[in-house]
C-alpha atoms as a PDB file:
ATOM      1  CA  MET A   1      17.889  -9.029  -9.498  1.00  0.00           C
ATOM      2  CA  ASN A   2      15.349 -11.788 -10.191  1.00  0.00           C
ATOM      3  CA  GLU A   3      11.897 -11.280 -11.687  1.00  0.00           C
ATOM      4  CA  THR A   4      10.010 -11.493  -8.379  1.00  0.00           C
ATOM      5  CA  GLU A   5      12.311  -8.981  -6.688  1.00  0.00           C
ATOM      6  CA  ASN A   6      11.963  -6.632  -9.644  1.00  0.00           C
ATOM      7  CA  ARG A   7       8.164  -6.979  -9.514  1.00  0.00           C
ATOM      8  CA  LYS A   8       8.156  -6.179  -5.779  1.00  0.00           C
ATOM      9  CA  ARG A   9      10.365  -3.106  -6.252  1.00  0.00           C
ATOM     10  CA  HIS A  10       8.046  -1.777  -8.965  1.00  0.00           C
ATOM     11  CA  LEU A  11       5.023  -2.451  -6.766  1.00  0.00           C
ATOM     12  CA  ILE A  12       6.587  -0.581  -3.824  1.00  0.00           C
ATOM     13  CA  ALA A  13       7.301   2.395  -6.112  1.00  0.00           C
ATOM     14  CA  ALA A  14       3.764   2.335  -7.548  1.00  0.00           C
ATOM     15  CA  TYR A  15       2.270   2.141  -4.059  1.00  0.00           C
ATOM     16  CA  GLY A  16       4.370   5.084  -2.911  1.00  0.00           C
ATOM     17  CA  ALA A  17       3.244   7.062  -5.972  1.00  0.00           C
ATOM     18  CA  TYR A  18      -0.370   6.140  -5.151  1.00  0.00           C
ATOM     19  CA  PHE A  19      -0.038   7.864  -1.763  1.00  0.00           C
ATOM     20  CA  GLU A  20       1.833  10.853  -3.160  1.00  0.00           C
ATOM     21  CA  ASN A  21      -0.983  11.383  -5.682  1.00  0.00           C
ATOM     22  CA  LEU A  22      -3.837  10.424  -3.359  1.00  0.00           C
ATOM     23  CA  SER A  23      -7.006  12.431  -3.958  1.00  0.00           C
ATOM     24  CA  PRO A  24     -10.757  11.799  -3.811  1.00  0.00           C
ATOM     25  CA  GLU A  25     -10.543  10.943  -7.524  1.00  0.00           C
ATOM     26  CA  THR A  26      -7.639   8.460  -7.193  1.00  0.00           C
ATOM     27  CA  VAL A  27      -8.375   6.741  -3.880  1.00  0.00           C
ATOM     28  CA  ASN A  28     -10.028   3.730  -5.577  1.00  0.00           C
ATOM     29  CA  GLU A  29      -6.901   2.999  -7.654  1.00  0.00           C
ATOM     30  CA  LEU A  30      -5.652   0.974  -4.695  1.00  0.00           C
ATOM     31  CA  SER A  31      -7.640  -2.090  -5.770  1.00  0.00           C
ATOM     32  CA  GLY A  32      -5.263  -2.956  -8.625  1.00  0.00           C
ATOM     33  CA  MET A  33      -2.270  -3.170  -6.261  1.00  0.00           C
ATOM     34  CA  VAL A  34      -3.611  -5.251  -3.363  1.00  0.00           C
ATOM     35  CA  THR A  35      -5.053  -8.666  -2.598  1.00  0.00           C
ATOM     36  CA  ASP A  36      -8.762  -9.137  -1.883  1.00  0.00           C
ATOM     37  CA  ASP A  37      -7.935  -9.731   1.807  1.00  0.00           C
ATOM     38  CA  PHE A  38      -5.457  -6.819   2.039  1.00  0.00           C
ATOM     39  CA  THR A  39      -4.991  -5.539   5.609  1.00  0.00           C
ATOM     40  CA  PHE A  40      -4.186  -1.900   6.418  1.00  0.00           C
ATOM     41  CA  SER A  41      -3.137  -0.904   9.949  1.00  0.00           C
ATOM     42  CA  ASP A  42      -2.141   2.453  11.392  1.00  0.00           C
ATOM     43  CA  PRO A  43      -2.119   3.734  15.002  1.00  0.00           C
ATOM     44  CA  PHE A  44      -5.856   4.502  14.762  1.00  0.00           C
ATOM     45  CA  THR A  45      -7.386   1.447  13.078  1.00  0.00           C
ATOM     46  CA  THR A  46      -7.072  -1.836  11.200  1.00  0.00           C
ATOM     47  CA  ARG A  47      -9.053  -2.233   7.981  1.00  0.00           C
ATOM     48  CA  LYS A  48      -9.522  -5.308   5.812  1.00  0.00           C
ATOM     49  CA  GLY A  49     -10.195  -5.481   2.084  1.00  0.00           C
ATOM     50  CA  PRO A  50      -9.587  -2.823  -0.555  1.00  0.00           C
ATOM     51  CA  ASP A  51     -13.090  -1.324  -0.339  1.00  0.00           C
ATOM     52  CA  ASP A  52     -12.855  -0.740   3.418  1.00  0.00           C
ATOM     53  CA  VAL A  53      -9.320   0.657   3.084  1.00  0.00           C
ATOM     54  CA  CYS A  54     -10.364   3.006   0.262  1.00  0.00           C
ATOM     55  CA  ALA A  55     -13.303   4.260   2.344  1.00  0.00           C
ATOM     56  CA  TYR A  56     -10.939   4.917   5.269  1.00  0.00           C
ATOM     57  CA  LEU A  57      -8.397   6.726   3.088  1.00  0.00           C
ATOM     58  CA  GLY A  58     -11.209   8.714   1.461  1.00  0.00           C
ATOM     59  CA  LYS A  59     -12.189  10.029   4.906  1.00  0.00           C
ATOM     60  CA  THR A  60      -8.835  11.795   4.981  1.00  0.00           C
ATOM     61  CA  PHE A  61     -10.261  14.329   2.544  1.00  0.00           C
ATOM     62  CA  THR A  62     -13.320  15.076   4.677  1.00  0.00           C
ATOM     63  CA  ASP A  63     -11.491  15.112   8.041  1.00  0.00           C
ATOM     64  CA  THR A  64      -8.461  17.191   6.979  1.00  0.00           C
ATOM     65  CA  GLU A  65      -7.515  20.024   4.640  1.00  0.00           C
ATOM     66  CA  ASN A  66      -4.782  19.574   2.034  1.00  0.00           C
ATOM     67  CA  PRO A  67      -3.543  16.118   3.107  1.00  0.00           C
ATOM     68  CA  ASN A  68      -0.205  15.361   1.483  1.00  0.00           C
ATOM     69  CA  PHE A  69       2.192  12.416   1.521  1.00  0.00           C
ATOM     70  CA  VAL A  70       5.777  12.671   0.323  1.00  0.00           C
ATOM     71  CA  VAL A  71       7.622   9.366   0.070  1.00  0.00           C
ATOM     72  CA  THR A  72      11.279   9.907   0.914  1.00  0.00           C
ATOM     73  CA  HIS A  73      12.624   6.343   0.858  1.00  0.00           C
ATOM     74  CA  GLU A  74      11.705   2.968  -0.595  1.00  0.00           C
ATOM     75  CA  ALA A  75      13.344  -0.336   0.308  1.00  0.00           C
ATOM     76  CA  LEU A  76      12.939  -4.059  -0.203  1.00  0.00           C
ATOM     77  CA  ASP A  77      14.437  -6.652   2.107  1.00  0.00           C
ATOM     78  CA  GLY A  78      13.456 -10.147   1.015  1.00  0.00           C
ATOM     79  CA  ASP A  79       9.723 -10.535   1.550  1.00  0.00           C
ATOM     80  CA  ILE A  80       9.185  -7.145   3.216  1.00  0.00           C
ATOM     81  CA  GLY A  81       8.986  -3.720   1.613  1.00  0.00           C
ATOM     82  CA  PHE A  82       9.304  -0.369   3.326  1.00  0.00           C
ATOM     83  CA  LEU A  83       8.263   3.201   2.637  1.00  0.00           C
ATOM     84  CA  ARG A  84       9.429   6.175   4.670  1.00  0.00           C
ATOM     85  CA  TRP A  85       7.214   9.199   4.256  1.00  0.00           C
ATOM     86  CA  GLN A  86       6.306  12.660   5.455  1.00  0.00           C
ATOM     87  CA  PHE A  87       2.631  13.507   5.994  1.00  0.00           C
ATOM     88  CA  SER A  88       1.142  16.956   6.371  1.00  0.00           C
ATOM     89  CA  ALA A  89      -2.396  18.325   6.597  1.00  0.00           C
ATOM     90  CA  LYS A  90      -4.487  20.845   8.456  1.00  0.00           C
ATOM     91  CA  ILE A  91      -6.945  19.444  10.973  1.00  0.00           C
ATOM     92  CA  PRO A  92      -9.528  21.376  12.997  1.00  0.00           C
ATOM     93  CA  VAL A  93      -8.320  20.961  16.602  1.00  0.00           C
ATOM     94  CA  ILE A  94      -4.553  20.803  15.964  1.00  0.00           C
ATOM     95  CA  GLY A  95      -4.055  23.128  13.016  1.00  0.00           C
ATOM     96  CA  HIS A  96      -1.034  22.313  10.832  1.00  0.00           C
ATOM     97  CA  TRP A  97      -0.055  18.699  11.344  1.00  0.00           C
ATOM     98  CA  GLU A  98       3.194  17.219  10.050  1.00  0.00           C
ATOM     99  CA  PHE A  99       5.162  14.089  10.906  1.00  0.00           C
ATOM    100  CA  CYS A 100       7.331  11.286   9.484  1.00  0.00           C
ATOM    101  CA  GLY A 101       6.321   7.665   9.410  1.00  0.00           C
ATOM    102  CA  MET A 102       7.319   4.258   8.101  1.00  0.00           C
ATOM    103  CA  THR A 103       5.187   1.660   6.351  1.00  0.00           C
ATOM    104  CA  GLU A 104       5.958  -2.051   6.320  1.00  0.00           C
ATOM    105  CA  LEU A 105       4.548  -3.910   3.313  1.00  0.00           C
ATOM    106  CA  THR A 106       4.083  -7.627   2.679  1.00  0.00           C
ATOM    107  CA  PHE A 107       3.334  -9.313  -0.636  1.00  0.00           C
ATOM    108  CA  ASN A 108       1.290 -12.188  -1.987  1.00  0.00           C
ATOM    109  CA  GLN A 109       3.096 -15.415  -2.995  1.00  0.00           C
ATOM    110  CA  ASP A 110       4.369 -14.242  -6.400  1.00  0.00           C
ATOM    111  CA  GLY A 111       5.044 -10.644  -5.340  1.00  0.00           C
ATOM    112  CA  SER A 112       2.500  -9.188  -7.755  1.00  0.00           C
ATOM    113  CA  LEU A 113       0.168  -7.666  -5.124  1.00  0.00           C
ATOM    114  CA  LEU A 114       0.444  -6.227  -1.630  1.00  0.00           C
ATOM    115  CA  ALA A 115      -1.019  -8.351   1.160  1.00  0.00           C
ATOM    116  CA  SER A 116      -0.598  -5.931   4.068  1.00  0.00           C
ATOM    117  CA  HIS A 117       0.349  -2.389   5.067  1.00  0.00           C
ATOM    118  CA  VAL A 118       1.377  -1.524   8.643  1.00  0.00           C
ATOM    119  CA  ASP A 119       2.160   2.099   9.548  1.00  0.00           C
ATOM    120  CA  TYR A 120       4.609   2.985  12.290  1.00  0.00           C
ATOM    121  CA  TRP A 121       4.605   6.526  13.637  1.00  0.00           C
ATOM    122  CA  ASP A 122       4.408   8.129  17.066  1.00  0.00           C
ATOM    123  CA  SER A 123       0.723   8.954  17.529  1.00  0.00           C
ATOM    124  CA  GLY A 124       1.328   9.939  21.164  1.00  0.00           C
ATOM    125  CA  GLN A 125       3.700  12.733  20.245  1.00  0.00           C
ATOM    126  CA  HIS A 126       2.398  13.629  16.810  1.00  0.00           C
ATOM    127  CA  PHE A 127      -1.351  13.473  17.388  1.00  0.00           C
ATOM    128  CA  TYR A 128      -2.583  12.958  20.952  1.00  0.00           C
ATOM    129  CA  GLY A 129       0.207  15.156  22.329  1.00  0.00           C
ATOM    130  CA  LYS A 130      -1.030  18.057  20.205  1.00  0.00           C
ATOM    131  CA  LEU A 131      -4.604  17.970  21.513  1.00  0.00           C
ATOM    132  CA  PRO A 132      -5.188  20.798  24.023  1.00  0.00           C
ATOM    133  CA  VAL A 133      -5.896  19.013  27.353  1.00  0.00           C
ATOM    134  CA  LEU A 134      -4.647  15.541  26.482  1.00  0.00           C
ATOM    135  CA  GLY A 135      -1.403  16.990  25.106  1.00  0.00           C
ATOM    136  CA  TRP A 136      -0.655  18.681  28.433  1.00  0.00           C
ATOM    137  CA  ILE A 137      -1.213  15.395  30.295  1.00  0.00           C
ATOM    138  CA  ILE A 138       0.966  13.402  27.879  1.00  0.00           C
ATOM    139  CA  LYS A 139       3.815  15.929  28.064  1.00  0.00           C
ATOM    140  CA  ARG A 140       3.650  15.948  31.855  1.00  0.00           C
ATOM    141  CA  LEU A 141       3.746  12.121  31.984  1.00  0.00           C
ATOM    142  CA  ALA A 142       6.648  12.021  29.526  1.00  0.00           C
ATOM    143  CA  ARG A 143       8.663  14.462  31.665  1.00  0.00           C
ATOM    144  CA  ARG A 144       7.962  12.367  34.744  1.00  0.00           C
ATOM    145  CA  VAL A 145       9.058   9.117  33.048  1.00  0.00           C
ATOM    146  CA  ALA A 146      12.213  10.794  31.679  1.00  0.00           C
ATOM    147  CA  GLY A 147      13.156  11.772  35.192  1.00  0.00           C
END
């Protein structure tokens, strides 16, 4: 394993640990792991820059109860890193909320910082589908498409 690959693997592990230990007190620790133009995307939004991303992640603690990430897998394939994780929380309209997701990570030129984070998870099934009226509509459409 070369030095850059080793650096990337350590960064992926540190980033995963950041999410597993995320709290209102630790949310700003992101800045030491990302570039100044870091981009964060999930099914709800795209944020740019560590300050905007930290503000967005901080909202998790006002919009949910007991948010928790558990990273189950870490991988590096050339210039792309991956995290597989389980998220759980309690939110007002849905109640207990739990789902798995995957994060794709890119790095700066020397692999010392993260340049982007893109989350992949099924928001239709795991969020919108759980909302009272919208969930009924989504389930009905899904049944119709499935035949």
